[in-house]
Amino acid sequence: MQFVHDVPPQRVVFAPGAIGKVADEAAQLGLARALVIATPGSGARLGSRIVDLLGSRSAGLHAQAVVHVPRAVAEAGLAAARQATADGLVAVGGGAAIGLAKAIALETRLPILAVPTTYSGSEASPLYGMTDGERKITGRDRRVVPRTIVYDPDLTFGLPAGVSAASGMNAMAHAVEALWVAERTPITMAFAADALRRFAKYLPRVVADGADREAREECLVAAWLAGSVIGTGTALHHKLAHVLGGLGMPHAETHAILLPHVTRFNIPSAPEARSRMAEAFATDDPAQGLAAMLKKFPIPQRLREVGFDRAKTDFVAKEIAALSVSAPRKAGVEDVRALLDAAY
């Protein structure tokens, strides 16, 4: 066995009502002018609440975050941070808001305090991504890792069933892939397996009853565990999702749709991952277990339902083949074509 475990330090505050600690946590980071990053609409309303909680430590609200962080959106966020003379960022919401904060931090080195409201897990990883035309540019950098995460399960109670399901399966994709990437370590595998056990038990409960407090808390813990391991490395699943993201596919839903298909392709070459997933889902066929879970959720089930243009199949297949994905199994052009056809 050989591995390198190198995880950036991060403070995690988890409690019902933890949003009330945002100002104290900003002070602990030494922030005097924190720009709040959010999405428009409901994200902006929560962002305004955070601005009020920060009081004199706030540099205002920039509620223009968009999924996949288009380059123009990233540039506008960077300009807003500079105009506000911000000394830090408070990212409030899901992957879109946290992704924009990461894009700004990548250029400015400003510290991020994250207040997640979904299960995307982006707040726990050093991964970032931006779209430019039809290509999604991704990378890994310690500068984008939020210094502090404030997890408040109460903020997830208003999350619709479909968003809960899609973002939960997005996080599950982080955990599944962490079980078979070449860079896995004993700790990341333990975290990933625990995340899957929690999601398998509690995500269906959240979707059935969004007011189930225990289930909400457990899924948020699972999201943190899953997000904390995806920075170790990515393989076929995430690379596929990123290429499709560049084509405008919705992020969480695309992850959810692809996950059973990629698992079915990879699992024969990943016996340890199979064993841990079988335990989590209480089935000898983890891919079927994921497919059954997806089928019960009120979210798109196929790529055609989220607008995938089959004429782009060859483009996607060649993009993935060029990345030379080999762990746990080599994925060539024909493999990717077959996988996309099945998911379509």
Protein backbone atom coordinates (compact mmCIF):
# COMPACT_ATOMS: atom_id res chain seq x y z
CA MET A 1 0.00 0.00 0.00
CA GLN A 2 1.21 3.49 -0.87
CA PHE A 3 -0.59 6.82 -0.45
CA VAL A 4 -0.16 10.52 0.34
CA HIS A 5 -2.81 12.13 2.53
CA ASP A 6 -2.59 15.92 2.20
CA VAL A 7 -5.73 17.79 3.28
CA PRO A 8 -5.90 21.59 3.67
CA PRO A 9 -6.90 22.77 7.18
CA GLN A 10 -10.50 23.87 7.59
CA ARG A 11 -12.71 24.90 10.51
CA VAL A 12 -16.21 23.40 10.58
CA VAL A 13 -19.02 24.76 12.76
CA PHE A 14 -22.12 22.53 12.71
CA ALA A 15 -25.27 23.27 14.71
CA PRO A 16 -28.92 24.19 14.31
CA GLY A 17 -29.02 27.98 14.39
CA ALA A 18 -25.31 28.22 13.52
CA ILE A 19 -26.07 31.07 11.11
CA GLY A 20 -26.09 33.26 14.20
CA LYS A 21 -22.36 32.59 14.58
CA VAL A 22 -21.42 34.03 11.17
CA ALA A 23 -20.24 37.38 12.51
CA ASP A 24 -18.13 35.71 15.21
CA GLU A 25 -16.59 33.36 12.64
CA ALA A 26 -15.85 36.28 10.33
CA ALA A 27 -14.15 38.03 13.21
CA GLN A 28 -12.09 34.92 13.95
CA LEU A 29 -10.86 35.06 10.35
CA GLY A 30 -9.98 38.72 10.84
CA LEU A 31 -12.50 39.93 8.26
CA ALA A 32 -13.51 43.60 8.44
CA ARG A 33 -15.03 43.97 4.95
CA ALA A 34 -16.60 40.68 3.84
CA LEU A 35 -18.45 40.62 0.54
CA VAL A 36 -21.44 38.25 0.64
CA ILE A 37 -21.80 36.08 -2.48
CA ALA A 38 -25.18 34.57 -3.35
CA THR A 39 -27.51 33.70 -6.21
CA PRO A 40 -30.41 35.96 -7.23
CA GLY A 41 -33.89 35.40 -5.78
CA SER A 42 -34.08 33.35 -2.59
CA GLY A 43 -30.28 33.28 -2.42
CA ALA A 44 -30.26 37.08 -2.37
CA ARG A 45 -32.77 37.14 0.46
CA LEU A 46 -30.60 34.86 2.58
CA GLY A 47 -27.57 36.88 1.52
CA SER A 48 -29.24 40.05 2.80
CA ARG A 49 -29.84 38.32 6.11
CA ILE A 50 -26.14 37.46 6.31
CA VAL A 51 -25.24 41.09 5.51
CA ASP A 52 -27.38 42.17 8.47
CA LEU A 53 -25.77 39.58 10.74
CA LEU A 54 -22.28 40.73 9.73
CA GLY A 55 -23.15 44.34 10.49
CA SER A 56 -20.10 46.56 10.23
CA ARG A 57 -18.03 43.64 8.95
CA SER A 58 -20.06 43.51 5.72
CA ALA A 59 -18.85 45.03 2.43
CA GLY A 60 -22.23 44.43 0.79
CA LEU A 61 -23.99 41.76 -1.25
CA HIS A 62 -23.16 40.43 -4.71
CA ALA A 63 -26.09 38.17 -5.64
CA GLN A 64 -25.17 37.27 -9.23
CA ALA A 65 -23.88 33.70 -8.88
CA VAL A 66 -24.85 31.27 -11.66
CA VAL A 67 -24.36 27.51 -11.95
CA HIS A 68 -21.09 26.44 -13.66
CA VAL A 69 -19.63 29.97 -13.08
CA PRO A 70 -19.52 31.35 -16.65
CA ARG A 71 -16.40 33.40 -17.25
CA ALA A 72 -18.36 36.68 -17.50
CA VAL A 73 -19.99 35.97 -14.12
CA ALA A 74 -16.59 35.24 -12.56
CA GLU A 75 -15.17 38.48 -13.96
CA ALA A 76 -18.13 40.48 -12.64
CA GLY A 77 -17.68 38.92 -9.20
CA LEU A 78 -13.98 39.73 -9.22
CA ALA A 79 -14.75 43.34 -10.16
CA ALA A 80 -17.35 43.58 -7.37
CA ALA A 81 -14.87 42.29 -4.77
CA ARG A 82 -12.26 44.81 -5.86
CA GLN A 83 -14.72 47.70 -5.98
CA ALA A 84 -15.90 46.84 -2.46
CA THR A 85 -12.26 46.59 -1.25
CA ALA A 86 -13.30 43.30 0.31
CA ASP A 87 -10.88 41.48 2.60
CA GLY A 88 -12.88 38.25 2.52
CA LEU A 89 -15.89 36.47 1.04
CA VAL A 90 -18.94 34.90 2.66
CA ALA A 91 -20.46 32.41 0.19
CA VAL A 92 -24.10 31.66 1.01
CA GLY A 93 -26.06 28.96 -0.81
CA GLY A 94 -25.20 25.96 -2.98
CA GLY A 95 -22.52 25.15 -5.50
CA ALA A 96 -23.19 28.23 -7.66
CA ALA A 97 -22.47 30.75 -4.87
CA ILE A 98 -19.53 28.79 -3.48
CA GLY A 99 -18.18 28.28 -7.00
CA LEU A 100 -18.23 32.03 -7.70
CA ALA A 101 -16.49 32.74 -4.39
CA LYS A 102 -13.81 30.23 -5.35
CA ALA A 103 -13.32 31.91 -8.73
CA ILE A 104 -12.78 35.24 -6.96
CA ALA A 105 -10.46 33.71 -4.35
CA LEU A 106 -8.38 32.06 -7.06
CA GLU A 107 -7.42 35.50 -8.36
CA THR A 108 -7.36 37.49 -5.12
CA ARG A 109 -6.41 34.95 -2.40
CA LEU A 110 -9.29 36.32 -0.30
CA PRO A 111 -10.37 33.92 2.47
CA ILE A 112 -13.81 32.31 2.12
CA LEU A 113 -16.35 31.62 4.84
CA ALA A 114 -18.98 29.25 3.43
CA VAL A 115 -22.58 28.90 4.59
CA PRO A 116 -23.96 25.97 2.53
CA THR A 117 -27.69 25.46 2.03
CA THR A 118 -27.59 22.36 -0.19
CA TYR A 119 -25.71 19.06 -0.20
CA SER A 120 -23.33 19.87 -3.07
CA GLY A 121 -20.22 19.61 -0.87
CA SER A 122 -18.22 22.18 -2.85
CA GLU A 123 -17.47 24.05 0.37
CA ALA A 124 -15.25 21.22 1.60
CA SER A 125 -13.02 20.76 -1.44
CA PRO A 126 -10.12 22.51 -3.21
CA LEU A 127 -11.76 21.96 -6.62
CA TYR A 128 -13.01 24.85 -8.73
CA GLY A 129 -14.63 25.18 -12.12
CA MET A 130 -15.59 27.86 -14.65
CA THR A 131 -17.19 27.64 -18.07
CA ASP A 132 -15.87 29.38 -21.16
CA GLY A 133 -18.06 28.82 -24.19
CA GLU A 134 -18.74 25.08 -24.41
CA ARG A 135 -15.82 24.07 -22.23
CA LYS A 136 -15.67 23.80 -18.48
CA ILE A 137 -12.27 24.59 -17.02
CA THR A 138 -11.58 22.83 -13.74
CA GLY A 139 -8.67 22.70 -11.35
CA ARG A 140 -7.49 22.16 -7.80
CA ASP A 141 -5.96 24.89 -5.66
CA ARG A 142 -5.63 25.42 -1.92
CA ARG A 143 -6.45 29.11 -2.39
CA VAL A 144 -10.10 28.26 -3.04
CA VAL A 145 -10.70 26.07 0.01
CA PRO A 146 -13.05 27.91 2.40
CA ARG A 147 -11.24 28.58 5.65
CA THR A 148 -14.43 28.08 7.66
CA ILE A 149 -17.72 26.30 6.99
CA VAL A 150 -20.82 27.18 8.99
CA TYR A 151 -23.34 24.35 8.65
CA ASP A 152 -26.83 25.21 9.84
CA PRO A 153 -29.32 22.38 9.13
CA ASP A 154 -32.18 24.85 9.65
CA LEU A 155 -31.21 26.56 6.39
CA THR A 156 -32.01 23.36 4.45
CA PHE A 157 -35.63 23.04 5.57
CA GLY A 158 -36.89 25.17 2.69
CA LEU A 159 -35.01 23.12 0.10
CA PRO A 160 -37.52 21.56 -2.34
CA ALA A 161 -37.59 17.77 -2.63
CA GLY A 162 -36.12 17.82 -6.15
CA VAL A 163 -33.21 20.07 -5.18
CA SER A 164 -32.55 17.99 -2.06
CA ALA A 165 -32.52 14.79 -4.13
CA ALA A 166 -30.32 16.14 -6.93
CA SER A 167 -27.76 17.81 -4.68
CA GLY A 168 -27.71 14.73 -2.44
CA MET A 169 -26.94 12.47 -5.38
CA ASN A 170 -24.32 14.97 -6.52
CA ALA A 171 -22.64 14.55 -3.15
CA MET A 172 -23.02 10.76 -3.39
CA ALA A 173 -21.13 10.92 -6.67
CA HIS A 174 -18.23 12.53 -4.78
CA ALA A 175 -18.23 9.67 -2.30
CA VAL A 176 -18.58 6.91 -4.90
CA GLU A 177 -15.72 8.24 -6.99
CA ALA A 178 -13.52 8.67 -3.92
CA LEU A 179 -13.75 4.90 -3.41
CA TRP A 180 -12.04 4.07 -6.71
CA VAL A 181 -9.70 6.96 -7.61
CA ALA A 182 -6.01 6.08 -7.68
CA GLU A 183 -5.27 8.74 -5.04
CA ARG A 184 -7.59 7.27 -2.39
CA THR A 185 -6.34 6.85 1.17
CA PRO A 186 -7.69 4.91 4.18
CA ILE A 187 -9.18 8.11 5.59
CA THR A 188 -10.88 9.25 2.38
CA MET A 189 -12.35 5.80 1.86
CA ALA A 190 -13.68 5.73 5.42
CA PHE A 191 -15.25 9.18 5.00
CA ALA A 192 -16.73 8.22 1.63
CA ALA A 193 -18.23 4.98 2.93
CA ASP A 194 -19.74 6.78 5.93
CA ALA A 195 -21.21 9.46 3.64
CA LEU A 196 -22.85 6.79 1.47
CA ARG A 197 -24.30 4.98 4.49
CA ARG A 198 -25.87 8.21 5.74
CA PHE A 199 -27.24 9.23 2.35
CA ALA A 200 -28.65 5.75 1.66
CA LYS A 201 -30.60 5.89 4.90
CA TYR A 202 -31.53 9.55 5.21
CA LEU A 203 -31.78 11.09 1.72
CA PRO A 204 -35.01 9.20 0.91
CA ARG A 205 -36.41 10.46 4.21
CA VAL A 206 -35.51 14.06 3.34
CA VAL A 207 -37.19 13.73 -0.05
CA ALA A 208 -40.30 12.23 1.55
CA ASP A 209 -40.48 14.80 4.34
CA GLY A 210 -38.40 17.96 4.09
CA ALA A 211 -39.19 18.80 7.72
CA ASP A 212 -37.50 15.64 9.05
CA ARG A 213 -34.88 17.30 11.25
CA GLU A 214 -32.79 14.19 11.93
CA ALA A 215 -32.63 13.35 8.23
CA ARG A 216 -31.71 16.94 7.30
CA GLU A 217 -28.87 16.97 9.82
CA GLU A 218 -27.54 13.57 8.77
CA CYS A 219 -27.57 14.49 5.07
CA LEU A 220 -25.67 17.70 5.78
CA VAL A 221 -23.04 15.71 7.70
CA ALA A 222 -22.88 13.29 4.76
CA ALA A 223 -22.46 16.19 2.33
CA TRP A 224 -19.48 17.47 4.34
CA LEU A 225 -17.88 14.01 4.42
CA ALA A 226 -18.42 13.53 0.68
CA GLY A 227 -17.18 17.00 -0.20
CA SER A 228 -14.06 16.59 1.89
CA VAL A 229 -12.91 13.54 -0.11
CA ILE A 230 -13.54 14.66 -3.69
CA GLY A 231 -10.43 16.85 -3.59
CA THR A 232 -8.32 13.70 -3.46
CA GLY A 233 -8.89 13.08 -7.15
CA THR A 234 -11.52 12.60 -9.83
CA ALA A 235 -12.11 9.99 -12.50
CA LEU A 236 -14.62 9.17 -15.23
CA HIS A 237 -17.77 10.32 -13.48
CA HIS A 238 -16.68 13.85 -12.63
CA LYS A 239 -14.83 14.36 -15.89
CA LEU A 240 -17.99 13.41 -17.77
CA ALA A 241 -20.11 15.73 -15.64
CA HIS A 242 -17.66 18.60 -16.20
CA VAL A 243 -17.61 18.18 -19.98
CA LEU A 244 -21.42 18.03 -20.04
CA GLY A 245 -21.52 21.07 -17.78
CA GLY A 246 -19.63 23.00 -20.42
CA LEU A 247 -22.51 22.16 -22.78
CA GLY A 248 -24.99 23.70 -20.36
CA MET A 249 -26.26 20.59 -18.60
CA PRO A 250 -27.55 21.23 -15.05
CA HIS A 251 -24.82 20.24 -12.59
CA ALA A 252 -26.50 18.24 -9.84
CA GLU A 253 -29.08 16.57 -12.08
CA THR A 254 -26.38 15.48 -14.53
CA HIS A 255 -24.40 13.90 -11.68
CA ALA A 256 -27.52 12.07 -10.51
CA ILE A 257 -28.36 10.73 -13.97
CA LEU A 258 -24.83 9.55 -14.74
CA LEU A 259 -24.04 7.96 -11.38
CA PRO A 260 -25.71 4.53 -11.82
CA HIS A 261 -24.31 4.18 -15.36
CA VAL A 262 -20.73 5.09 -14.46
CA THR A 263 -20.94 2.83 -11.41
CA ARG A 264 -22.12 -0.07 -13.58
CA PHE A 265 -19.14 0.52 -15.90
CA ASN A 266 -16.47 0.85 -13.19
CA ILE A 267 -17.58 -1.49 -10.42
CA PRO A 268 -16.21 -4.73 -11.96
CA SER A 269 -12.72 -3.20 -11.75
CA ALA A 270 -13.13 -1.82 -8.23
CA PRO A 271 -13.69 -4.69 -5.77
CA GLU A 272 -13.05 -2.65 -2.62
CA ALA A 273 -15.44 0.06 -3.79
CA ARG A 274 -18.03 -2.63 -4.57
CA SER A 275 -17.70 -4.06 -1.08
CA ARG A 276 -18.15 -0.72 0.67
CA MET A 277 -21.00 0.35 -1.58
CA ALA A 278 -22.75 -2.99 -1.17
CA GLU A 279 -22.66 -2.49 2.59
CA ALA A 280 -23.96 1.08 2.34
CA PHE A 281 -26.85 0.20 0.02
CA ALA A 282 -27.52 -3.27 1.42
CA THR A 283 -27.31 -4.86 -2.02
CA ASP A 284 -24.81 -6.90 -4.01
CA ASP A 285 -25.50 -4.69 -7.04
CA PRO A 286 -24.55 -1.08 -6.08
CA ALA A 287 -25.31 0.28 -9.56
CA GLN A 288 -28.83 -1.10 -9.35
CA GLY A 289 -29.16 0.29 -5.83
CA LEU A 290 -28.30 3.77 -7.12
CA ALA A 291 -30.66 3.38 -10.07
CA ALA A 292 -33.48 2.36 -7.75
CA MET A 293 -32.85 5.38 -5.53
CA LEU A 294 -32.81 7.73 -8.52
CA LYS A 295 -36.08 6.27 -9.82
CA LYS A 296 -37.85 7.16 -6.57
CA PHE A 297 -36.77 10.81 -6.66
CA PRO A 298 -38.68 13.67 -8.35
CA ILE A 299 -35.78 14.64 -10.61
CA PRO A 300 -34.84 14.00 -14.28
CA GLN A 301 -33.96 10.36 -14.97
CA ARG A 302 -32.27 10.61 -18.38
CA LEU A 303 -29.95 12.96 -20.22
CA ARG A 304 -32.64 13.66 -22.81
CA GLU A 305 -34.75 15.17 -20.03
CA VAL A 306 -32.11 17.79 -19.26
CA GLY A 307 -31.57 18.80 -22.87
CA PHE A 308 -28.53 16.80 -23.92
CA ASP A 309 -28.01 17.04 -27.68
CA ARG A 310 -27.08 13.56 -28.94
CA ALA A 311 -25.17 15.21 -31.78
CA LYS A 312 -22.62 16.15 -29.11
CA THR A 313 -21.98 12.51 -28.17
CA ASP A 314 -18.82 12.20 -30.28
CA PHE A 315 -17.51 15.52 -28.96
CA VAL A 316 -17.97 14.39 -25.35
CA ALA A 317 -16.51 10.94 -26.02
CA LYS A 318 -13.38 12.38 -27.64
CA GLU A 319 -12.94 14.95 -24.86
CA ILE A 320 -13.06 12.21 -22.22
CA ALA A 321 -10.83 9.83 -24.17
CA ALA A 322 -8.24 12.60 -24.48
CA LEU A 323 -8.08 12.77 -20.67
CA SER A 324 -6.81 9.17 -20.55
CA VAL A 325 -8.99 8.09 -17.64
CA SER A 326 -7.67 4.77 -16.38
CA ALA A 327 -8.75 4.36 -12.75
CA PRO A 328 -10.27 2.01 -11.95
CA ARG A 329 -10.85 1.15 -15.60
CA LYS A 330 -9.75 2.67 -18.89
CA ALA A 331 -12.52 4.57 -20.68
CA GLY A 332 -12.13 4.92 -24.44
CA VAL A 333 -14.26 6.65 -27.05
CA GLU A 334 -16.56 3.67 -27.60
CA ASP A 335 -17.01 3.15 -23.86
CA VAL A 336 -18.10 6.76 -23.38
CA ARG A 337 -20.43 6.63 -26.36
CA ALA A 338 -22.12 3.52 -24.95
CA LEU A 339 -22.40 5.09 -21.51
CA LEU A 340 -23.97 8.28 -22.89
CA ASP A 341 -26.39 6.25 -25.01
CA ALA A 342 -27.49 4.30 -21.94
CA ALA A 343 -27.91 7.50 -19.90
CA TYR A 344 -29.80 9.21 -22.72
